Amino acid sequence: MNMSYILRCIIWNTSDVILQETSITGEQMSDIYVKGWMGGIEEEVQKTDVHYRSMDGEGNFNWRFVYEFSYLPAERCISVKKKEHFWSYDTTELTIPPVLNLQVWDNDKFSADDFLGALTLDLNRLYKPAKDPDFCTLDILDDESSNAVSLFEMKRVKGWWPCVNVEGGDPELTGKIELELEILTEEEARERPAGRGREEPNENPKLDPPQRPETSFLWFSSPFRTFKNIIWRKSKWYIIGALLLICFIIFLLLFLWAMPSAVWARLLRIPG
């Protein structure tokens, strides 16, 4: 018997995400965002907003993903109806493990976004998270661990999970992500409504806009903020020194231009 469930996944923060880009002032940084989808329902990809100019791999989001799916308790799988081919008339019911896929990306405005790391969570066999990012390591993803739990039994789990990149062959820890996962029935979701992202109904829990650093913004969208928070903060003494030097040169030129001709003649020893 199919049962309808709603998965709510709150992306709270990231930590220690690798820094992929170089800023206009020569600093390492990443423009971090997270996207996610349920296995078998790839068309339901959801994304957070972007935490611009992260200099230390920290990202703040307070962003909610919401996924609805049919679950078969006896088979411990979700039921997905799809057409085998685009020309098929009838749909075929597929049973797929309830897997949440999350990926961390670096946002690029003028080229393709850069993949940074991924996290795959089987809701039936959920890796227990760390309570603190300092203790969030690749050991959490150890398949031999007996610490796995079922989200359908726990109902709600919060903590830190590691993100990995296996493009180089061996798993590499490329960041950590703080999540809150909650599974609800349709009736429970109606009693405790919650919207996607920070949209209404923004409750259970209410998600406030994150407190990001002043330097977290898209640099070319605000030239004044770019100058104030990036260029001035890093190079203000060089700028002040250059302005003083320019003022001194202008003053010296005006002084020389205003000198009487007699003084010039004496300095240059021009006979009268």
C-alpha atoms as a PDB file:
ATOM      1  CA  MET A   1       0.000   0.000   0.000  1.00  0.00           C
ATOM      2  CA  ASN A   2       1.377   3.385  -1.036  1.00  0.00           C
ATOM      3  CA  MET A   3       1.704   6.052   1.647  1.00  0.00           C
ATOM      4  CA  SER A   4       2.270   9.733   0.832  1.00  0.00           C
ATOM      5  CA  TYR A   5       5.160  11.366   2.644  1.00  0.00           C
ATOM      6  CA  ILE A   6       6.762  14.807   2.629  1.00  0.00           C
ATOM      7  CA  LEU A   7      10.473  15.239   3.218  1.00  0.00           C
ATOM      8  CA  ARG A   8      11.606  18.614   4.512  1.00  0.00           C
ATOM      9  CA  CYS A   9      15.310  19.314   4.294  1.00  0.00           C
ATOM     10  CA  ILE A  10      16.607  22.569   5.764  1.00  0.00           C
ATOM     11  CA  ILE A  11      20.031  23.691   4.561  1.00  0.00           C
ATOM     12  CA  TRP A  12      21.360  25.672   7.510  1.00  0.00           C
ATOM     13  CA  ASN A  13      25.068  26.188   6.873  1.00  0.00           C
ATOM     14  CA  THR A  14      28.187  24.897   5.176  1.00  0.00           C
ATOM     15  CA  SER A  15      31.711  24.818   6.567  1.00  0.00           C
ATOM     16  CA  ASP A  16      35.200  24.199   5.177  1.00  0.00           C
ATOM     17  CA  VAL A  17      33.999  24.144   1.561  1.00  0.00           C
ATOM     18  CA  ILE A  18      36.972  24.235  -0.794  1.00  0.00           C
ATOM     19  CA  LEU A  19      37.751  27.636  -2.307  1.00  0.00           C
ATOM     20  CA  GLN A  20      37.543  27.335  -6.077  1.00  0.00           C
ATOM     21  CA  GLU A  21      38.004  30.876  -7.405  1.00  0.00           C
ATOM     22  CA  THR A  22      40.340  33.849  -7.052  1.00  0.00           C
ATOM     23  CA  SER A  23      38.733  37.213  -6.283  1.00  0.00           C
ATOM     24  CA  ILE A  24      39.559  40.519  -8.001  1.00  0.00           C
ATOM     25  CA  THR A  25      41.851  41.300  -5.059  1.00  0.00           C
ATOM     26  CA  GLY A  26      43.724  37.977  -5.371  1.00  0.00           C
ATOM     27  CA  GLU A  27      42.012  36.148  -2.477  1.00  0.00           C
ATOM     28  CA  GLN A  28      40.739  32.571  -2.648  1.00  0.00           C
ATOM     29  CA  MET A  29      36.929  32.326  -2.448  1.00  0.00           C
ATOM     30  CA  SER A  30      33.821  30.420  -3.542  1.00  0.00           C
ATOM     31  CA  ASP A  31      30.283  31.555  -4.375  1.00  0.00           C
ATOM     32  CA  ILE A  32      28.500  28.663  -2.652  1.00  0.00           C
ATOM     33  CA  TYR A  33      25.062  27.217  -3.273  1.00  0.00           C
ATOM     34  CA  VAL A  34      23.434  23.825  -2.665  1.00  0.00           C
ATOM     35  CA  LYS A  35      21.068  21.884  -4.882  1.00  0.00           C
ATOM     36  CA  GLY A  36      19.184  18.678  -4.183  1.00  0.00           C
ATOM     37  CA  TRP A  37      16.699  16.132  -5.495  1.00  0.00           C
ATOM     38  CA  MET A  38      15.173  12.773  -4.611  1.00  0.00           C
ATOM     39  CA  GLY A  39      16.356   9.741  -6.567  1.00  0.00           C
ATOM     40  CA  GLY A  40      13.877   8.935  -9.329  1.00  0.00           C
ATOM     41  CA  ILE A  41      12.392  12.443  -9.196  1.00  0.00           C
ATOM     42  CA  GLU A  42      15.277  14.303 -10.849  1.00  0.00           C
ATOM     43  CA  GLU A  43      12.924  16.841 -12.403  1.00  0.00           C
ATOM     44  CA  GLU A  44      12.267  18.178  -8.883  1.00  0.00           C
ATOM     45  CA  VAL A  45      15.721  19.723  -8.458  1.00  0.00           C
ATOM     46  CA  GLN A  46      15.717  22.531  -5.881  1.00  0.00           C
ATOM     47  CA  LYS A  47      18.438  25.107  -5.196  1.00  0.00           C
ATOM     48  CA  THR A  48      19.345  27.493  -2.415  1.00  0.00           C
ATOM     49  CA  ASP A  49      20.301  31.088  -3.054  1.00  0.00           C
ATOM     50  CA  VAL A  50      24.008  31.914  -3.390  1.00  0.00           C
ATOM     51  CA  HIS A  51      26.347  32.828  -0.567  1.00  0.00           C
ATOM     52  CA  TYR A  52      28.728  35.087  -2.483  1.00  0.00           C
ATOM     53  CA  ARG A  53      32.426  35.553  -1.713  1.00  0.00           C
ATOM     54  CA  SER A  54      32.928  32.948   1.003  1.00  0.00           C
ATOM     55  CA  MET A  55      36.576  33.357   2.015  1.00  0.00           C
ATOM     56  CA  ASP A  56      36.701  30.479   4.515  1.00  0.00           C
ATOM     57  CA  GLY A  57      34.274  27.907   3.086  1.00  0.00           C
ATOM     58  CA  GLU A  58      31.445  28.991   5.366  1.00  0.00           C
ATOM     59  CA  GLY A  59      28.006  29.451   3.794  1.00  0.00           C
ATOM     60  CA  ASN A  60      24.787  30.560   5.504  1.00  0.00           C
ATOM     61  CA  PHE A  61      21.448  29.688   3.910  1.00  0.00           C
ATOM     62  CA  ASN A  62      18.419  28.979   6.155  1.00  0.00           C
ATOM     63  CA  TRP A  63      16.737  27.417   3.128  1.00  0.00           C
ATOM     64  CA  ARG A  64      14.111  24.670   2.965  1.00  0.00           C
ATOM     65  CA  PHE A  65      13.757  21.946   0.337  1.00  0.00           C
ATOM     66  CA  VAL A  66      10.389  20.151   0.228  1.00  0.00           C
ATOM     67  CA  TYR A  67       9.800  16.842  -1.588  1.00  0.00           C
ATOM     68  CA  GLU A  68       6.583  14.833  -1.867  1.00  0.00           C
ATOM     69  CA  PHE A  69       6.675  11.140  -2.739  1.00  0.00           C
ATOM     70  CA  SER A  70       4.783   7.839  -2.429  1.00  0.00           C
ATOM     71  CA  TYR A  71       6.387   5.250  -0.158  1.00  0.00           C
ATOM     72  CA  LEU A  72       5.932   1.479   0.011  1.00  0.00           C
ATOM     73  CA  PRO A  73       6.661   0.487   3.652  1.00  0.00           C
ATOM     74  CA  ALA A  74       6.764  -3.236   2.898  1.00  0.00           C
ATOM     75  CA  GLU A  75       9.408  -2.767   0.204  1.00  0.00           C
ATOM     76  CA  ARG A  76      11.047   0.257   1.861  1.00  0.00           C
ATOM     77  CA  CYS A  77      11.076   2.012  -1.517  1.00  0.00           C
ATOM     78  CA  ILE A  78       9.424   4.989  -3.118  1.00  0.00           C
ATOM     79  CA  SER A  79       7.029   4.495  -6.005  1.00  0.00           C
ATOM     80  CA  VAL A  80       7.642   6.547  -9.150  1.00  0.00           C
ATOM     81  CA  LYS A  81       5.484   6.458 -12.264  1.00  0.00           C
ATOM     82  CA  LYS A  82       7.340   7.239 -15.477  1.00  0.00           C
ATOM     83  CA  LYS A  83       7.093   6.650 -19.199  1.00  0.00           C
ATOM     84  CA  GLU A  84       9.745   4.243 -20.422  1.00  0.00           C
ATOM     85  CA  HIS A  85      10.127   6.277 -23.641  1.00  0.00           C
ATOM     86  CA  PHE A  86       8.930   9.735 -24.582  1.00  0.00           C
ATOM     87  CA  TRP A  87       6.616   8.159 -27.148  1.00  0.00           C
ATOM     88  CA  SER A  88       5.106   5.719 -24.625  1.00  0.00           C
ATOM     89  CA  TYR A  89       1.415   6.191 -23.881  1.00  0.00           C
ATOM     90  CA  ASP A  90       1.246   4.384 -20.523  1.00  0.00           C
ATOM     91  CA  THR A  91       3.427   4.931 -17.477  1.00  0.00           C
ATOM     92  CA  THR A  92       5.411   2.269 -15.673  1.00  0.00           C
ATOM     93  CA  GLU A  93       5.622   2.093 -11.879  1.00  0.00           C
ATOM     94  CA  LEU A  94       9.189   1.935 -10.619  1.00  0.00           C
ATOM     95  CA  THR A  95      10.334   1.196  -7.071  1.00  0.00           C
ATOM     96  CA  ILE A  96      13.454   3.087  -6.025  1.00  0.00           C
ATOM     97  CA  PRO A  97      15.263   3.414  -2.678  1.00  0.00           C
ATOM     98  CA  PRO A  98      14.405   6.707  -0.919  1.00  0.00           C
ATOM     99  CA  VAL A  99      17.666   8.545  -1.542  1.00  0.00           C
ATOM    100  CA  LEU A 100      18.250  12.283  -1.112  1.00  0.00           C
ATOM    101  CA  ASN A 101      21.022  13.685  -3.313  1.00  0.00           C
ATOM    102  CA  LEU A 102      22.692  16.948  -2.322  1.00  0.00           C
ATOM    103  CA  GLN A 103      25.479  18.759  -4.160  1.00  0.00           C
ATOM    104  CA  VAL A 104      27.536  21.837  -3.305  1.00  0.00           C
ATOM    105  CA  TRP A 105      28.481  24.098  -6.244  1.00  0.00           C
ATOM    106  CA  ASP A 106      30.485  27.237  -6.924  1.00  0.00           C
ATOM    107  CA  ASN A 107      28.404  29.773  -8.844  1.00  0.00           C
ATOM    108  CA  ASP A 108      29.994  31.346 -11.942  1.00  0.00           C
ATOM    109  CA  LYS A 109      28.332  34.157 -13.889  1.00  0.00           C
ATOM    110  CA  PHE A 110      30.444  33.965 -17.045  1.00  0.00           C
ATOM    111  CA  SER A 111      31.180  30.217 -17.278  1.00  0.00           C
ATOM    112  CA  ALA A 112      29.799  26.867 -16.172  1.00  0.00           C
ATOM    113  CA  ASP A 113      29.348  26.410 -12.425  1.00  0.00           C
ATOM    114  CA  ASP A 114      32.005  24.324 -10.660  1.00  0.00           C
ATOM    115  CA  PHE A 115      31.061  21.127  -8.824  1.00  0.00           C
ATOM    116  CA  LEU A 116      32.544  21.078  -5.321  1.00  0.00           C
ATOM    117  CA  GLY A 117      31.128  18.059  -3.502  1.00  0.00           C
ATOM    118  CA  ALA A 118      28.186  15.718  -2.986  1.00  0.00           C
ATOM    119  CA  LEU A 119      26.275  13.975  -0.227  1.00  0.00           C
ATOM    120  CA  THR A 120      23.979  10.983  -0.806  1.00  0.00           C
ATOM    121  CA  LEU A 121      21.618   9.990   2.019  1.00  0.00           C
ATOM    122  CA  ASP A 122      19.508   6.823   2.065  1.00  0.00           C
ATOM    123  CA  LEU A 123      16.531   7.710   4.265  1.00  0.00           C
ATOM    124  CA  ASN A 124      16.197   4.059   5.332  1.00  0.00           C
ATOM    125  CA  ARG A 125      19.822   3.847   6.395  1.00  0.00           C
ATOM    126  CA  LEU A 126      20.805   7.344   7.360  1.00  0.00           C
ATOM    127  CA  TYR A 127      24.335   8.081   8.500  1.00  0.00           C
ATOM    128  CA  LYS A 128      24.271   9.593  11.972  1.00  0.00           C
ATOM    129  CA  PRO A 129      25.544  13.189  11.691  1.00  0.00           C
ATOM    130  CA  ALA A 130      28.081  15.000  13.821  1.00  0.00           C
ATOM    131  CA  LYS A 131      26.836  17.609  16.264  1.00  0.00           C
ATOM    132  CA  ASP A 132      29.769  19.912  15.502  1.00  0.00           C
ATOM    133  CA  PRO A 133      31.598  20.591  12.210  1.00  0.00           C
ATOM    134  CA  ASP A 134      34.955  19.896  13.895  1.00  0.00           C
ATOM    135  CA  PHE A 135      33.926  16.243  14.309  1.00  0.00           C
ATOM    136  CA  CYS A 136      32.411  15.909  10.829  1.00  0.00           C
ATOM    137  CA  THR A 137      34.763  13.574   8.924  1.00  0.00           C
ATOM    138  CA  LEU A 138      34.591  10.964   6.174  1.00  0.00           C
ATOM    139  CA  ASP A 139      34.237   8.313   8.902  1.00  0.00           C
ATOM    140  CA  ILE A 140      30.556   9.267   9.115  1.00  0.00           C
ATOM    141  CA  LEU A 141      30.039   7.755   5.658  1.00  0.00           C
ATOM    142  CA  ASP A 142      31.577   4.391   6.640  1.00  0.00           C
ATOM    143  CA  ASP A 143      29.244   1.694   5.248  1.00  0.00           C
ATOM    144  CA  GLU A 144      30.394  -0.742   7.929  1.00  0.00           C
ATOM    145  CA  SER A 145      29.184   1.558  10.679  1.00  0.00           C
ATOM    146  CA  SER A 146      26.309   0.290  12.837  1.00  0.00           C
ATOM    147  CA  ASN A 147      25.180   3.846  13.616  1.00  0.00           C
ATOM    148  CA  ALA A 148      22.774   4.096  10.657  1.00  0.00           C
ATOM    149  CA  VAL A 149      19.163   5.002  11.483  1.00  0.00           C
ATOM    150  CA  SER A 150      15.879   5.177   9.575  1.00  0.00           C
ATOM    151  CA  LEU A 151      14.423   8.641   9.115  1.00  0.00           C
ATOM    152  CA  PHE A 152      10.972   7.023   8.849  1.00  0.00           C
ATOM    153  CA  GLU A 153      11.459   5.850  12.441  1.00  0.00           C
ATOM    154  CA  MET A 154      13.393   8.822  13.832  1.00  0.00           C
ATOM    155  CA  LYS A 155      11.133  11.367  12.069  1.00  0.00           C
ATOM    156  CA  ARG A 156      13.652  14.179  12.507  1.00  0.00           C
ATOM    157  CA  VAL A 157      17.457  14.400  12.438  1.00  0.00           C
ATOM    158  CA  LYS A 158      19.760  17.430  12.572  1.00  0.00           C
ATOM    159  CA  GLY A 159      23.531  17.718  12.332  1.00  0.00           C
ATOM    160  CA  TRP A 160      26.608  17.945  10.115  1.00  0.00           C
ATOM    161  CA  TRP A 161      27.414  15.604   7.217  1.00  0.00           C
ATOM    162  CA  PRO A 162      30.561  15.551   5.032  1.00  0.00           C
ATOM    163  CA  CYS A 163      30.522  16.327   1.309  1.00  0.00           C
ATOM    164  CA  VAL A 164      32.894  14.387  -0.914  1.00  0.00           C
ATOM    165  CA  ASN A 165      34.364  14.561  -4.387  1.00  0.00           C
ATOM    166  CA  VAL A 166      35.467  11.294  -5.988  1.00  0.00           C
ATOM    167  CA  GLU A 167      36.484  12.729  -9.360  1.00  0.00           C
ATOM    168  CA  GLY A 168      40.133  12.148  -8.495  1.00  0.00           C
ATOM    169  CA  GLY A 169      39.556   8.484  -7.626  1.00  0.00           C
ATOM    170  CA  ASP A 170      39.739   8.435  -3.825  1.00  0.00           C
ATOM    171  CA  PRO A 171      37.030  10.244  -1.813  1.00  0.00           C
ATOM    172  CA  GLU A 172      38.127  13.758  -0.888  1.00  0.00           C
ATOM    173  CA  LEU A 173      36.472  15.767   1.868  1.00  0.00           C
ATOM    174  CA  THR A 174      35.501  19.022   0.135  1.00  0.00           C
ATOM    175  CA  GLY A 175      33.114  20.535   2.660  1.00  0.00           C
ATOM    176  CA  LYS A 176      30.623  20.000   5.451  1.00  0.00           C
ATOM    177  CA  ILE A 177      26.915  20.739   5.437  1.00  0.00           C
ATOM    178  CA  GLU A 178      24.507  21.306   8.321  1.00  0.00           C
ATOM    179  CA  LEU A 179      21.068  19.853   7.616  1.00  0.00           C
ATOM    180  CA  GLU A 180      17.793  19.274   9.368  1.00  0.00           C
ATOM    181  CA  LEU A 181      15.779  16.380   7.913  1.00  0.00           C
ATOM    182  CA  GLU A 182      12.145  15.760   8.814  1.00  0.00           C
ATOM    183  CA  ILE A 183       9.708  13.216   7.383  1.00  0.00           C
ATOM    184  CA  LEU A 184       5.942  13.815   7.658  1.00  0.00           C
ATOM    185  CA  THR A 185       2.736  12.187   6.513  1.00  0.00           C
ATOM    186  CA  GLU A 186       0.289  14.243   4.462  1.00  0.00           C
ATOM    187  CA  GLU A 187      -1.864  14.842   7.539  1.00  0.00           C
ATOM    188  CA  GLU A 188       1.110  15.980   9.629  1.00  0.00           C
ATOM    189  CA  ALA A 189       2.220  18.324   6.833  1.00  0.00           C
ATOM    190  CA  ARG A 190      -1.237  19.920   6.702  1.00  0.00           C
ATOM    191  CA  GLU A 191      -1.188  20.473  10.455  1.00  0.00           C
ATOM    192  CA  ARG A 192       2.332  21.945  10.346  1.00  0.00           C
ATOM    193  CA  PRO A 193       2.660  23.709   6.971  1.00  0.00           C
ATOM    194  CA  ALA A 194       5.964  24.971   5.581  1.00  0.00           C
ATOM    195  CA  GLY A 195       6.919  26.502   2.227  1.00  0.00           C
ATOM    196  CA  ARG A 196       9.985  26.031   0.051  1.00  0.00           C
ATOM    197  CA  GLY A 197      13.001  28.240   0.532  1.00  0.00           C
ATOM    198  CA  ARG A 198      11.858  31.035   2.816  1.00  0.00           C
ATOM    199  CA  GLU A 199       8.483  31.386   1.090  1.00  0.00           C
ATOM    200  CA  GLU A 200       5.151  31.436   2.868  1.00  0.00           C
ATOM    201  CA  PRO A 201       4.008  29.650   4.882  1.00  0.00           C
ATOM    202  CA  ASN A 202       7.415  30.264   6.440  1.00  0.00           C
ATOM    203  CA  GLU A 203       7.004  28.348   9.676  1.00  0.00           C
ATOM    204  CA  ASN A 204       7.758  25.029  11.395  1.00  0.00           C
ATOM    205  CA  PRO A 205      10.345  26.435  11.832  1.00  0.00           C
ATOM    206  CA  LYS A 206      10.410  30.019  10.570  1.00  0.00           C
ATOM    207  CA  LEU A 207      13.536  30.659   8.509  1.00  0.00           C
ATOM    208  CA  ASP A 208      14.998  34.148   8.817  1.00  0.00           C
ATOM    209  CA  PRO A 209      17.368  35.552   6.179  1.00  0.00           C
ATOM    210  CA  PRO A 210      20.916  34.459   7.069  1.00  0.00           C
ATOM    211  CA  GLN A 211      23.355  36.876   8.680  1.00  0.00           C
ATOM    212  CA  ARG A 212      26.043  36.926   6.004  1.00  0.00           C
ATOM    213  CA  PRO A 213      29.236  39.056   6.039  1.00  0.00           C
ATOM    214  CA  GLU A 214      29.160  42.503   4.395  1.00  0.00           C
ATOM    215  CA  THR A 215      31.443  41.159   1.678  1.00  0.00           C
ATOM    216  CA  SER A 216      28.873  38.541   0.603  1.00  0.00           C
ATOM    217  CA  PHE A 217      27.355  40.055  -2.549  1.00  0.00           C
ATOM    218  CA  LEU A 218      27.708  39.878  -6.328  1.00  0.00           C
ATOM    219  CA  TRP A 219      30.598  42.276  -6.906  1.00  0.00           C
ATOM    220  CA  PHE A 220      29.607  43.761 -10.301  1.00  0.00           C
ATOM    221  CA  SER A 221      26.000  44.407  -9.192  1.00  0.00           C
ATOM    222  CA  SER A 222      27.104  47.113  -6.738  1.00  0.00           C
ATOM    223  CA  PRO A 223      30.303  49.021  -7.655  1.00  0.00           C
ATOM    224  CA  PHE A 224      30.136  51.213  -4.529  1.00  0.00           C
ATOM    225  CA  ARG A 225      29.849  48.205  -2.170  1.00  0.00           C
ATOM    226  CA  THR A 226      32.653  46.517  -4.097  1.00  0.00           C
ATOM    227  CA  PHE A 227      34.904  49.521  -3.542  1.00  0.00           C
ATOM    228  CA  LYS A 228      33.885  49.991   0.104  1.00  0.00           C
ATOM    229  CA  ASN A 229      33.907  46.390   1.340  1.00  0.00           C
ATOM    230  CA  ILE A 230      36.535  44.795  -0.885  1.00  0.00           C
ATOM    231  CA  ILE A 231      38.981  47.204  -2.498  1.00  0.00           C
ATOM    232  CA  TRP A 232      39.018  49.863   0.251  1.00  0.00           C
ATOM    233  CA  ARG A 233      39.192  47.351   3.111  1.00  0.00           C
ATOM    234  CA  LYS A 234      42.159  45.549   1.581  1.00  0.00           C
ATOM    235  CA  SER A 235      44.069  48.457  -0.009  1.00  0.00           C
ATOM    236  CA  LYS A 236      43.027  51.620   1.839  1.00  0.00           C
ATOM    237  CA  TRP A 237      46.567  52.570   2.958  1.00  0.00           C
ATOM    238  CA  TYR A 238      47.880  52.191  -0.598  1.00  0.00           C
ATOM    239  CA  ILE A 239      45.002  54.350  -1.856  1.00  0.00           C
ATOM    240  CA  ILE A 240      45.585  56.993   0.831  1.00  0.00           C
ATOM    241  CA  GLY A 241      49.322  57.032   0.087  1.00  0.00           C
ATOM    242  CA  ALA A 242      48.698  57.397  -3.665  1.00  0.00           C
ATOM    243  CA  LEU A 243      46.247  60.281  -3.086  1.00  0.00           C
ATOM    244  CA  LEU A 244      48.721  62.077  -0.799  1.00  0.00           C
ATOM    245  CA  LEU A 245      51.467  61.636  -3.388  1.00  0.00           C
ATOM    246  CA  ILE A 246      49.224  63.028  -6.156  1.00  0.00           C
ATOM    247  CA  CYS A 247      48.257  66.003  -3.973  1.00  0.00           C
ATOM    248  CA  PHE A 248      51.923  66.709  -3.208  1.00  0.00           C
ATOM    249  CA  ILE A 249      52.861  66.579  -6.901  1.00  0.00           C
ATOM    250  CA  ILE A 250      49.967  68.924  -7.838  1.00  0.00           C
ATOM    251  CA  PHE A 251      50.952  71.348  -5.036  1.00  0.00           C
ATOM    252  CA  LEU A 252      54.587  71.303  -6.152  1.00  0.00           C
ATOM    253  CA  LEU A 253      53.651  71.987  -9.788  1.00  0.00           C
ATOM    254  CA  LEU A 254      51.373  74.882  -8.796  1.00  0.00           C
ATOM    255  CA  PHE A 255      54.069  76.308  -6.562  1.00  0.00           C
ATOM    256  CA  LEU A 256      56.649  76.184  -9.346  1.00  0.00           C
ATOM    257  CA  TRP A 257      54.198  77.655 -11.870  1.00  0.00           C
ATOM    258  CA  ALA A 258      53.388  80.560  -9.559  1.00  0.00           C
ATOM    259  CA  MET A 259      57.016  81.499  -8.820  1.00  0.00           C
ATOM    260  CA  PRO A 260      58.044  84.990 -10.061  1.00  0.00           C
ATOM    261  CA  SER A 261      60.213  85.125 -13.171  1.00  0.00           C
ATOM    262  CA  ALA A 262      63.032  86.746 -11.182  1.00  0.00           C
ATOM    263  CA  VAL A 263      63.220  83.709  -8.926  1.00  0.00           C
ATOM    264  CA  TRP A 264      63.257  81.426 -11.951  1.00  0.00           C
ATOM    265  CA  ALA A 265      66.041  83.485 -13.506  1.00  0.00           C
ATOM    266  CA  ARG A 266      68.115  83.276 -10.323  1.00  0.00           C
ATOM    267  CA  LEU A 267      67.508  79.515  -9.992  1.00  0.00           C
ATOM    268  CA  LEU A 268      68.417  78.888 -13.612  1.00  0.00           C
ATOM    269  CA  ARG A 269      71.190  81.568 -13.582  1.00  0.00           C
ATOM    270  CA  ILE A 270      69.785  83.379 -16.597  1.00  0.00           C
ATOM    271  CA  PRO A 271      71.682  86.695 -17.162  1.00  0.00           C
ATOM    272  CA  GLY A 272      69.474  89.787 -16.877  1.00  0.00           C
END
